[in-house]
Amino acid sequence: MNLATVILAAGQGKRMKSSKPKVLHPILGKPMLWYIIQVANQVTQRKTIVVVGHKPDLIKETFNESALFVPQKEQLGTGHAVLQTEPLLKGKVDFVLVTYGDMPLLRERTLWKLIDSKPNPSQPITMLTVFMDDPHGFGRIIRDDNGDVHAIVEEAQATQKQREIKELNAGVYVFNAEWLWDALPKITLSPKGEYYLTDLIGIAIEQGKSIKAIPVEDTQEVIGVNTRVHLAEVSSIIQARINRKWMLDGVTITNPDSTTIEPTVSIGQDTTILPNTFLQGDTRIGENCVIGPNSIVDNTKIGRNCIIRASVLEGAILEDNVDIGPFGHLRRGAHLAKGVHMGNFGEVKDSHLGEGTKMGHFSYIGNATIGKNVNIGAGTITCNYDGKQKNPTEIGDDVFIGSDTMLVAPIKLGDGAHTGAGSVVTKDIAEYMLAVGIPARAIRKINPEEKSSVKNEKKDG
């Protein structure tokens, strides 16, 4: 089907009381306009056209190449806005789908119902209507004595009697393109000084043509966002849809009402999401994990069989069988290999922890490369910042770091090295050497088979 989609997004949205364009207000981490662009792109084989007016450069920067943007330099109404797309579309498409950028709840299946009606020269408009008690600012559908659509009256122009009408114009149309380009210039200026797209209904009726109106099945789909109250209402509905989708796909969400999952997140089967958990951005979670309660996971990759308790993860990578928390913090660049354990109140930034490494509680690891099967005692700190730059710490395999060790970077610890509790390490430690004290000194060789009986050995420097 030769179809183009036009999204009207030129308005400022004054009732939002914001310096930001209305369509850029976020819903679950994505601008409101993002949702309708996603749906529009699914029903057409060409890029969606977005008509922009208020702060157009900001909108274009936000969406880059995901749509084509047409400016409406003067805010002269919805009919004038659609007319701006004529140079791009006239003679190139047979049908034009028009909707609004502040309707993020529309579903693909609803748009297909309109599209499948295939408007023709004798019935050039198919429109979506909805019956609701709360008009949300929509225009009223006026029908004649035969029950046919006769006109649409905008709320601002409606009489008190007309405002009592429950059938509303949802603001979603499919037009016969050839008729549309001929009819748009016939719209007259309203008392408000705008050219209303809804006047096309009257023009079609005057020409002896009919209008097809299709009532929407789910009234939530056509809720328009005009205030922050509407924004919260829409956000709640979208979240309920997302949570339901994941539960039907095999994810346990123990309390959906207190769980936030953004639309770009992916979750594996048999994972459990506990209450007050926020999954954000490009987060990928594997199978059989337990996340939460009270966790924030943002732009993080999590493998299978991981446990995240009451922790914050930002831009991190976790391989399989990792457990964290409670109250852990993985900052950007943290990479925990298979089987890593990180105790409560630990923090890792821009570091790699090797397979099987155990990190005790109240520890900070930054700008470090840590080998396999390392024991990082409670209270260990990598002192990586010297006031000018971040310095690296390198720790080999099978190293034992005693509790309260300070590793003053740049520093290297060879395989099997040990530090005594409370050591301040300012110089490199060779393989299988024990260093203790303040500052730490190497005092003897460690037998690779020796257990960690030296972990509390101290020597003052």
Protein backbone atom coordinates (compact mmCIF):
# COMPACT_ATOMS: atom_id res chain seq x y z
CA MET A 1 0.00 0.00 0.00
CA ASN A 2 1.45 3.35 -1.06
CA LEU A 3 1.05 5.22 2.22
CA ALA A 4 2.79 8.07 4.04
CA THR A 5 2.40 8.94 7.70
CA VAL A 6 2.36 12.54 8.92
CA ILE A 7 2.70 13.31 12.62
CA LEU A 8 1.71 16.81 13.75
CA ALA A 9 4.12 17.98 16.44
CA ALA A 10 4.47 21.72 15.92
CA GLY A 11 2.71 22.95 19.05
CA GLN A 12 4.40 24.26 22.16
CA GLY A 13 2.01 22.62 24.62
CA LYS A 14 1.42 25.64 26.84
CA ARG A 15 -0.61 23.65 29.36
CA MET A 16 2.49 21.62 30.15
CA LYS A 17 3.96 24.84 31.58
CA SER A 18 7.43 24.01 30.30
CA SER A 19 10.17 25.52 28.14
CA LYS A 20 10.53 22.09 26.53
CA PRO A 21 8.40 21.14 23.49
CA LYS A 22 5.51 18.98 24.64
CA VAL A 23 6.47 16.03 22.44
CA LEU A 24 9.91 15.82 24.08
CA HIS A 25 8.59 15.24 27.59
CA PRO A 26 9.81 11.78 28.62
CA ILE A 27 7.73 8.70 29.20
CA LEU A 28 9.77 5.83 30.68
CA GLY A 29 13.03 7.20 29.36
CA LYS A 30 11.83 8.04 25.84
CA PRO A 31 10.33 11.26 24.48
CA MET A 32 6.58 11.13 24.02
CA LEU A 33 7.01 11.51 20.25
CA TRP A 34 9.24 8.40 20.11
CA TYR A 35 6.29 6.09 20.77
CA ILE A 36 4.13 7.27 17.88
CA ILE A 37 7.11 7.33 15.50
CA GLN A 38 7.77 3.67 16.33
CA VAL A 39 4.18 2.70 15.53
CA ALA A 40 4.06 4.88 12.40
CA ASN A 41 7.25 3.34 11.03
CA GLN A 42 5.71 -0.12 11.40
CA VAL A 43 2.75 0.65 9.13
CA THR A 44 4.57 2.39 6.30
CA GLN A 45 7.60 1.52 4.19
CA ARG A 46 8.85 5.09 4.08
CA LYS A 47 10.14 7.40 6.79
CA THR A 48 7.50 9.07 8.90
CA ILE A 49 7.13 12.81 8.35
CA VAL A 50 6.97 14.97 11.47
CA VAL A 51 5.74 18.56 11.19
CA VAL A 52 7.62 20.67 13.73
CA GLY A 53 7.28 24.28 14.82
CA HIS A 54 8.25 25.10 18.40
CA LYS A 55 12.01 24.61 18.89
CA PRO A 56 12.33 22.43 15.77
CA ASP A 57 16.11 22.06 16.00
CA LEU A 58 15.83 20.53 19.46
CA ILE A 59 13.32 17.95 18.20
CA LYS A 60 15.45 17.13 15.15
CA GLU A 61 18.56 16.65 17.30
CA THR A 62 16.66 14.29 19.59
CA PHE A 63 15.50 11.98 16.81
CA ASN A 64 18.33 12.31 14.28
CA GLU A 65 17.54 10.16 11.23
CA SER A 66 14.52 8.24 12.54
CA ALA A 67 12.06 10.53 10.71
CA LEU A 68 11.82 13.35 8.18
CA PHE A 69 11.12 16.78 9.66
CA VAL A 70 9.10 19.48 7.92
CA PRO A 71 8.96 22.97 9.48
CA GLN A 72 5.76 24.88 10.06
CA LYS A 73 7.28 28.31 10.48
CA GLU A 74 3.97 29.99 11.28
CA GLN A 75 1.64 28.26 13.74
CA LEU A 76 -1.50 28.53 11.61
CA GLY A 77 -3.28 25.35 12.65
CA THR A 78 -3.43 21.67 11.83
CA GLY A 79 -4.69 22.08 8.27
CA HIS A 80 -1.82 24.43 7.50
CA ALA A 81 0.58 21.95 9.12
CA VAL A 82 -0.46 19.08 6.83
CA LEU A 83 -0.22 21.42 3.83
CA GLN A 84 3.51 21.83 4.55
CA THR A 85 4.05 18.20 3.56
CA GLU A 86 2.54 18.58 0.09
CA PRO A 87 5.89 19.20 -1.70
CA LEU A 88 7.22 15.91 -0.28
CA LEU A 89 4.16 13.76 -0.91
CA LYS A 90 2.00 15.06 -3.73
CA GLY A 91 1.96 12.62 -6.64
CA LYS A 92 4.08 10.12 -4.69
CA VAL A 93 1.58 8.39 -2.39
CA ASP A 94 -2.04 7.26 -2.64
CA PHE A 95 -2.95 7.59 1.04
CA VAL A 96 -1.88 9.89 3.88
CA LEU A 97 -2.22 8.84 7.52
CA VAL A 98 -2.31 11.84 9.87
CA THR A 99 -2.01 11.71 13.63
CA TYR A 100 -0.57 13.72 16.52
CA GLY A 101 2.72 13.58 18.39
CA ASP A 102 1.05 13.71 21.79
CA MET A 103 -0.78 10.38 21.40
CA PRO A 104 1.82 7.80 22.48
CA LEU A 105 -0.70 5.04 23.28
CA LEU A 106 -1.84 4.32 19.72
CA ARG A 107 -1.29 0.71 18.66
CA GLU A 108 -0.25 -0.60 15.28
CA ARG A 109 -3.39 -2.73 14.95
CA THR A 110 -5.61 0.35 15.33
CA LEU A 111 -3.81 2.22 12.58
CA TRP A 112 -4.12 -0.81 10.31
CA LYS A 113 -7.90 -0.74 10.77
CA LEU A 114 -7.97 2.76 9.34
CA ILE A 115 -5.51 1.97 6.59
CA ASP A 116 -7.41 -1.12 5.47
CA SER A 117 -10.48 1.04 4.83
CA LYS A 118 -8.66 2.49 1.78
CA PRO A 119 -10.39 5.87 1.33
CA ASN A 120 -11.47 6.65 -2.23
CA PRO A 121 -12.68 9.74 -4.12
CA SER A 122 -16.31 9.19 -2.99
CA GLN A 123 -15.30 8.45 0.62
CA PRO A 124 -12.04 10.38 0.95
CA ILE A 125 -11.68 10.33 4.74
CA THR A 126 -11.59 7.54 7.29
CA MET A 127 -11.33 8.79 10.84
CA LEU A 128 -11.01 7.36 14.33
CA THR A 129 -13.62 8.30 16.94
CA VAL A 130 -13.89 7.48 20.63
CA PHE A 131 -16.60 7.60 23.29
CA MET A 132 -15.25 9.04 26.56
CA ASP A 133 -16.60 11.01 29.51
CA ASP A 134 -13.38 13.00 29.82
CA PRO A 135 -12.92 14.80 26.47
CA HIS A 136 -9.18 15.44 26.96
CA GLY A 137 -9.59 18.53 24.77
CA PHE A 138 -10.82 16.57 21.72
CA GLY A 139 -13.30 17.97 19.22
CA ARG A 140 -16.90 16.73 19.21
CA ILE A 141 -18.36 14.57 16.44
CA ILE A 142 -21.53 16.11 15.00
CA ARG A 143 -23.83 13.64 13.26
CA ASP A 144 -26.86 14.39 11.12
CA ASP A 145 -30.35 12.93 11.51
CA ASN A 146 -29.28 9.83 9.60
CA GLY A 147 -26.40 9.22 11.97
CA ASP A 148 -23.73 10.12 9.42
CA VAL A 149 -20.75 12.26 10.39
CA HIS A 150 -21.67 15.83 9.49
CA ALA A 151 -18.92 17.93 11.12
CA ILE A 152 -16.32 18.18 13.85
CA VAL A 153 -16.43 21.08 16.27
CA GLU A 154 -13.21 21.90 18.14
CA GLU A 155 -13.62 22.18 21.90
CA ALA A 156 -12.66 25.86 21.86
CA GLN A 157 -15.45 26.60 19.38
CA ALA A 158 -18.10 24.20 20.76
CA THR A 159 -21.31 25.39 22.39
CA GLN A 160 -22.23 24.14 25.83
CA LYS A 161 -24.67 21.64 24.29
CA GLN A 162 -22.03 20.40 21.84
CA ARG A 163 -19.55 19.94 24.70
CA GLU A 164 -21.93 17.40 26.23
CA ILE A 165 -21.44 15.10 23.22
CA LYS A 166 -19.52 11.98 24.24
CA GLU A 167 -18.32 10.92 20.77
CA LEU A 168 -15.00 12.60 20.20
CA ASN A 169 -12.62 13.08 17.33
CA ALA A 170 -9.50 11.10 18.13
CA GLY A 171 -7.44 13.11 15.66
CA VAL A 172 -6.34 10.16 13.55
CA TYR A 173 -7.22 10.10 9.86
CA VAL A 174 -6.45 8.36 6.62
CA PHE A 175 -7.02 10.55 3.55
CA ASN A 176 -7.25 9.80 -0.12
CA ALA A 177 -4.12 11.72 -1.13
CA GLU A 178 -5.36 13.13 -4.43
CA TRP A 179 -8.48 14.54 -2.75
CA LEU A 180 -6.48 15.83 0.23
CA TRP A 181 -4.17 18.10 -1.78
CA ASP A 182 -7.14 19.56 -3.62
CA ALA A 183 -9.18 20.11 -0.44
CA LEU A 184 -6.58 21.60 1.92
CA PRO A 185 -6.45 25.04 0.22
CA LYS A 186 -10.25 25.26 0.60
CA ILE A 187 -10.05 25.43 4.41
CA THR A 188 -11.05 28.89 5.64
CA LEU A 189 -9.49 30.78 8.54
CA SER A 190 -11.18 30.12 11.88
CA PRO A 191 -12.13 32.87 14.36
CA LYS A 192 -9.02 31.84 16.28
CA GLY A 193 -6.85 32.59 13.27
CA GLU A 194 -6.03 28.99 12.38
CA TYR A 195 -6.79 26.56 9.57
CA TYR A 196 -8.35 23.49 11.16
CA LEU A 197 -7.79 20.07 9.59
CA THR A 198 -11.20 19.06 10.93
CA ASP A 199 -12.84 21.47 8.45
CA LEU A 200 -12.07 18.89 5.77
CA ILE A 201 -15.07 16.96 7.08
CA GLY A 202 -17.40 19.81 6.16
CA ILE A 203 -15.72 20.27 2.79
CA ALA A 204 -16.22 16.60 1.96
CA ILE A 205 -19.89 16.74 3.04
CA GLU A 206 -20.50 19.83 0.89
CA GLN A 207 -19.07 17.90 -2.07
CA GLY A 208 -21.61 15.16 -1.48
CA LYS A 209 -19.03 12.70 -0.21
CA SER A 210 -19.28 10.46 2.84
CA ILE A 211 -17.00 10.02 5.85
CA LYS A 212 -16.17 6.67 7.39
CA ALA A 213 -15.82 6.75 11.18
CA ILE A 214 -14.28 3.81 13.01
CA PRO A 215 -14.70 3.75 16.81
CA VAL A 216 -11.57 2.75 18.67
CA GLU A 217 -11.88 -0.46 20.71
CA ASP A 218 -9.53 0.56 23.53
CA THR A 219 -10.29 4.12 24.60
CA GLN A 220 -6.92 4.40 26.32
CA GLU A 221 -5.18 4.42 22.95
CA VAL A 222 -6.39 7.89 22.04
CA ILE A 223 -5.63 9.68 25.28
CA GLY A 224 -3.85 12.89 24.32
CA VAL A 225 -1.25 14.47 26.57
CA ASN A 226 -2.06 18.12 27.24
CA THR A 227 -0.99 18.44 30.88
CA ARG A 228 1.41 16.72 33.23
CA VAL A 229 -1.57 14.97 34.77
CA HIS A 230 -2.21 13.35 31.37
CA LEU A 231 1.52 12.60 31.11
CA ALA A 232 1.43 10.63 34.36
CA GLU A 233 -1.74 8.83 33.27
CA VAL A 234 -0.20 7.78 29.95
CA SER A 235 3.08 6.71 31.60
CA SER A 236 1.17 4.40 33.93
CA ILE A 237 -0.69 2.79 31.03
CA ILE A 238 2.46 2.23 28.98
CA GLN A 239 4.21 0.73 32.01
CA ALA A 240 1.32 -1.66 32.59
CA ARG A 241 1.54 -2.77 28.94
CA ILE A 242 5.28 -3.40 29.20
CA ASN A 243 5.05 -5.30 32.46
CA ARG A 244 2.20 -7.44 31.15
CA LYS A 245 4.20 -8.25 28.02
CA TRP A 246 7.17 -9.51 30.06
CA MET A 247 5.01 -11.54 32.42
CA LEU A 248 3.36 -13.25 29.45
CA ASP A 249 6.86 -13.94 28.09
CA GLY A 250 7.91 -15.85 31.22
CA VAL A 251 9.26 -13.17 33.58
CA THR A 252 8.00 -13.00 37.17
CA ILE A 253 7.23 -9.48 38.36
CA THR A 254 6.11 -9.80 41.95
CA ASN A 255 4.58 -6.33 42.18
CA PRO A 256 3.98 -4.77 38.76
CA ASP A 257 2.62 -1.54 40.23
CA SER A 258 5.98 -0.77 41.85
CA THR A 259 8.19 -1.95 38.97
CA THR A 260 9.46 0.33 36.20
CA ILE A 261 10.72 -1.24 32.97
CA GLU A 262 11.57 1.01 30.04
CA PRO A 263 10.57 -0.09 26.51
CA THR A 264 14.18 -0.69 25.40
CA VAL A 265 14.91 -3.29 28.11
CA SER A 266 15.20 -7.03 27.39
CA ILE A 267 14.64 -9.77 30.01
CA GLY A 268 15.23 -13.52 29.82
CA GLN A 269 12.78 -16.22 30.87
CA ASP A 270 12.45 -17.28 34.50
CA THR A 271 14.00 -14.07 35.76
CA THR A 272 12.29 -12.53 38.79
CA ILE A 273 11.93 -8.78 39.22
CA LEU A 274 11.27 -7.77 42.83
CA PRO A 275 9.44 -4.60 43.97
CA ASN A 276 10.74 -1.03 43.59
CA THR A 277 13.11 -2.00 40.78
CA PHE A 278 13.89 0.29 37.84
CA LEU A 279 15.20 -1.24 34.60
CA GLN A 280 16.32 1.50 32.24
CA GLY A 281 17.92 2.21 28.88
CA ASP A 282 19.61 -0.50 26.83
CA THR A 283 19.59 -3.02 29.67
CA ARG A 284 19.81 -6.74 28.79
CA ILE A 285 19.09 -9.35 31.46
CA GLY A 286 19.61 -13.07 30.97
CA GLU A 287 17.62 -16.04 32.19
CA ASN A 288 17.10 -17.16 35.81
CA CYS A 289 18.19 -13.91 37.42
CA VAL A 290 16.79 -12.22 40.52
CA ILE A 291 16.80 -8.41 40.36
CA GLY A 292 15.83 -6.31 43.37
CA PRO A 293 14.18 -5.31 45.47
CA ASN A 294 15.04 -1.60 45.37
CA SER A 295 17.49 -1.80 42.47
CA ILE A 296 18.30 0.53 39.59
CA VAL A 297 19.78 -1.09 36.47
CA ASP A 298 20.64 1.33 33.68
CA ASN A 299 22.27 0.48 30.33
CA THR A 300 23.73 -2.70 31.79
CA LYS A 301 24.29 -6.19 30.38
CA ILE A 302 23.56 -9.01 32.86
CA GLY A 303 24.21 -12.68 32.11
CA ARG A 304 22.33 -15.73 33.37
CA ASN A 305 21.79 -16.81 36.99
CA CYS A 306 22.77 -13.45 38.47
CA ILE A 307 21.48 -11.96 41.71
CA ILE A 308 21.30 -8.18 42.22
CA ARG A 309 20.11 -7.12 45.66
CA ALA A 310 19.18 -3.48 46.38
CA SER A 311 21.96 -2.12 44.17
CA VAL A 312 22.63 0.48 41.47
CA LEU A 313 24.20 -0.61 38.15
CA GLU A 314 25.11 1.96 35.50
CA GLY A 315 26.72 1.05 32.18
CA ALA A 316 28.16 -2.20 33.54
CA ILE A 317 28.66 -5.74 32.24
CA LEU A 318 27.99 -8.82 34.36
CA GLU A 319 28.74 -12.30 33.08
CA ASP A 320 26.93 -15.41 34.31
CA ASN A 321 26.53 -16.34 38.00
CA VAL A 322 27.44 -12.94 39.44
CA ASP A 323 25.89 -11.80 42.70
CA ILE A 324 25.94 -8.29 44.12
CA GLY A 325 24.78 -6.50 47.21
CA PRO A 326 22.91 -5.47 49.01
CA PHE A 327 23.78 -1.81 48.37
CA GLY A 328 26.39 -2.35 45.68
CA HIS A 329 27.21 0.26 43.06
CA LEU A 330 28.60 -0.58 39.64
CA ARG A 331 29.55 2.55 37.74
CA ARG A 332 30.23 2.92 34.04
CA GLY A 333 32.92 0.60 32.74
CA ALA A 334 32.59 -2.01 35.47
CA HIS A 335 32.92 -5.55 34.09
CA LEU A 336 32.41 -8.51 36.41
CA ALA A 337 33.40 -11.86 34.95
CA LYS A 338 31.72 -15.20 35.59
CA GLY A 339 31.13 -16.10 39.23
CA VAL A 340 32.23 -12.77 40.75
CA HIS A 341 30.82 -11.97 44.18
CA MET A 342 30.55 -8.38 45.36
CA GLY A 343 29.53 -7.76 48.96
CA ASN A 344 27.40 -5.03 50.45
CA PHE A 345 28.41 -1.39 50.10
CA GLY A 346 30.99 -2.14 47.42
CA GLU A 347 31.68 0.12 44.45
CA VAL A 348 33.39 -0.64 41.14
CA LYS A 349 34.18 1.84 38.38
CA ASP A 350 35.96 1.36 35.04
CA SER A 351 37.45 -1.94 36.18
CA HIS A 352 37.51 -5.62 35.22
CA LEU A 353 37.14 -8.27 37.93
CA GLY A 354 38.27 -11.71 36.75
CA GLU A 355 36.40 -14.96 37.00
CA GLY A 356 35.70 -16.17 40.52
CA THR A 357 36.98 -13.04 42.23
CA LYS A 358 35.40 -12.17 45.58
CA MET A 359 35.12 -8.54 46.64
CA GLY A 360 34.37 -7.87 50.28
CA HIS A 361 32.06 -5.23 51.65
CA PHE A 362 32.89 -1.53 52.04
CA SER A 363 35.42 -1.64 49.20
CA TYR A 364 36.14 0.63 46.22
CA ILE A 365 37.78 -0.58 43.02
CA GLY A 366 38.49 2.01 40.32
CA ASN A 367 40.55 1.91 37.12
CA ALA A 368 41.73 -1.59 37.93
CA THR A 369 42.37 -4.84 36.10
CA ILE A 370 41.97 -7.76 38.47
CA GLY A 371 42.72 -11.40 37.68
CA LYS A 372 40.95 -14.64 38.51
CA ASN A 373 40.14 -15.97 41.98
CA VAL A 374 41.28 -12.84 43.77
CA ASN A 375 40.13 -12.19 47.33
CA ILE A 376 39.54 -8.49 47.95
CA GLY A 377 39.17 -8.00 51.67
CA ALA A 378 36.63 -5.73 53.29
CA GLY A 379 37.55 -2.06 53.24
CA THR A 380 40.01 -2.35 50.32
CA ILE A 381 40.46 0.89 48.40
CA THR A 382 42.23 1.58 45.13
CA CYS A 383 43.63 5.08 45.55
CA ASN A 384 43.48 5.82 41.84
CA TYR A 385 43.23 9.62 41.70
CA ASP A 386 46.28 11.74 42.48
CA GLY A 387 44.55 15.08 42.02
CA LYS A 388 45.41 15.33 38.33
CA GLN A 389 44.67 12.00 36.69
CA LYS A 390 43.27 8.54 37.26
CA ASN A 391 45.98 5.88 37.64
CA PRO A 392 45.70 2.13 36.99
CA THR A 393 45.92 -0.79 39.39
CA GLU A 394 46.88 -4.24 38.05
CA ILE A 395 46.31 -7.35 40.16
CA GLY A 396 47.21 -10.86 38.97
CA ASP A 397 45.47 -14.17 39.56
CA ASP A 398 45.04 -15.77 43.02
CA VAL A 399 45.99 -12.60 44.89
CA PHE A 400 44.87 -12.13 48.49
CA ILE A 401 44.19 -8.53 49.55
CA GLY A 402 43.89 -8.19 53.30
CA SER A 403 41.16 -6.11 54.89
CA ASP A 404 41.60 -2.32 54.87
CA THR A 405 44.39 -2.42 52.31
CA MET A 406 45.10 0.86 50.48
CA LEU A 407 46.45 0.30 46.95
CA VAL A 408 48.07 3.59 45.88
CA ALA A 409 48.03 3.61 42.08
CA PRO A 410 49.78 3.22 39.79
CA ILE A 411 50.54 -0.16 41.30
CA LYS A 412 50.99 -3.81 40.23
CA LEU A 413 50.55 -6.98 42.27
CA GLY A 414 51.83 -10.20 40.72
CA ASP A 415 50.07 -13.55 40.73
CA GLY A 416 49.62 -15.01 44.21
CA ALA A 417 50.74 -11.84 46.03
CA HIS A 418 49.37 -11.17 49.52
CA THR A 419 48.88 -8.02 51.58
CA GLY A 420 48.44 -7.94 55.32
CA ALA A 421 45.42 -6.28 56.89
CA GLY A 422 45.72 -2.50 57.07
CA SER A 423 48.60 -2.27 54.59
CA VAL A 424 49.24 0.84 52.51
CA VAL A 425 50.80 -0.42 49.29
CA THR A 426 52.82 2.22 47.42
CA LYS A 427 55.21 -0.05 45.48
CA ASP A 428 54.70 -3.04 43.21
CA ILE A 429 54.54 -6.48 44.83
CA ALA A 430 56.17 -9.40 43.05
CA GLU A 431 54.51 -12.77 42.51
CA TYR A 432 53.84 -14.82 45.66
CA MET A 433 55.26 -12.16 47.99
CA LEU A 434 53.67 -11.04 51.23
CA ALA A 435 53.72 -7.28 51.87
CA VAL A 436 52.61 -5.70 55.14
CA GLY A 437 52.85 -2.40 56.93
CA ILE A 438 52.55 1.36 56.40
CA PRO A 439 54.01 1.80 53.87
CA ALA A 440 53.92 -1.88 52.95
CA ARG A 441 57.15 -3.86 52.53
CA ALA A 442 57.61 -7.33 51.09
CA ILE A 443 58.68 -9.54 54.02
CA ARG A 444 58.68 -13.08 52.69
CA LYS A 445 57.82 -15.44 49.85
CA ILE A 446 54.40 -17.13 49.82
CA ASN A 447 54.20 -20.83 48.95
CA PRO A 448 51.60 -21.11 46.17
CA GLU A 449 49.97 -23.94 48.13
CA GLU A 450 49.87 -21.89 51.34
CA LYS A 451 46.43 -20.98 52.55
CA SER A 452 45.54 -17.52 53.73
CA SER A 453 46.85 -17.92 57.28
CA VAL A 454 48.88 -14.76 56.66
CA LYS A 455 45.89 -12.59 56.06
CA ASN A 456 46.09 -10.85 59.43
CA GLU A 457 49.88 -10.64 59.55
CA LYS A 458 51.05 -7.06 60.14
CA LYS A 459 54.35 -5.25 60.20
CA ASP A 460 54.76 -1.55 60.83
CA GLY A 461 56.94 0.29 58.33
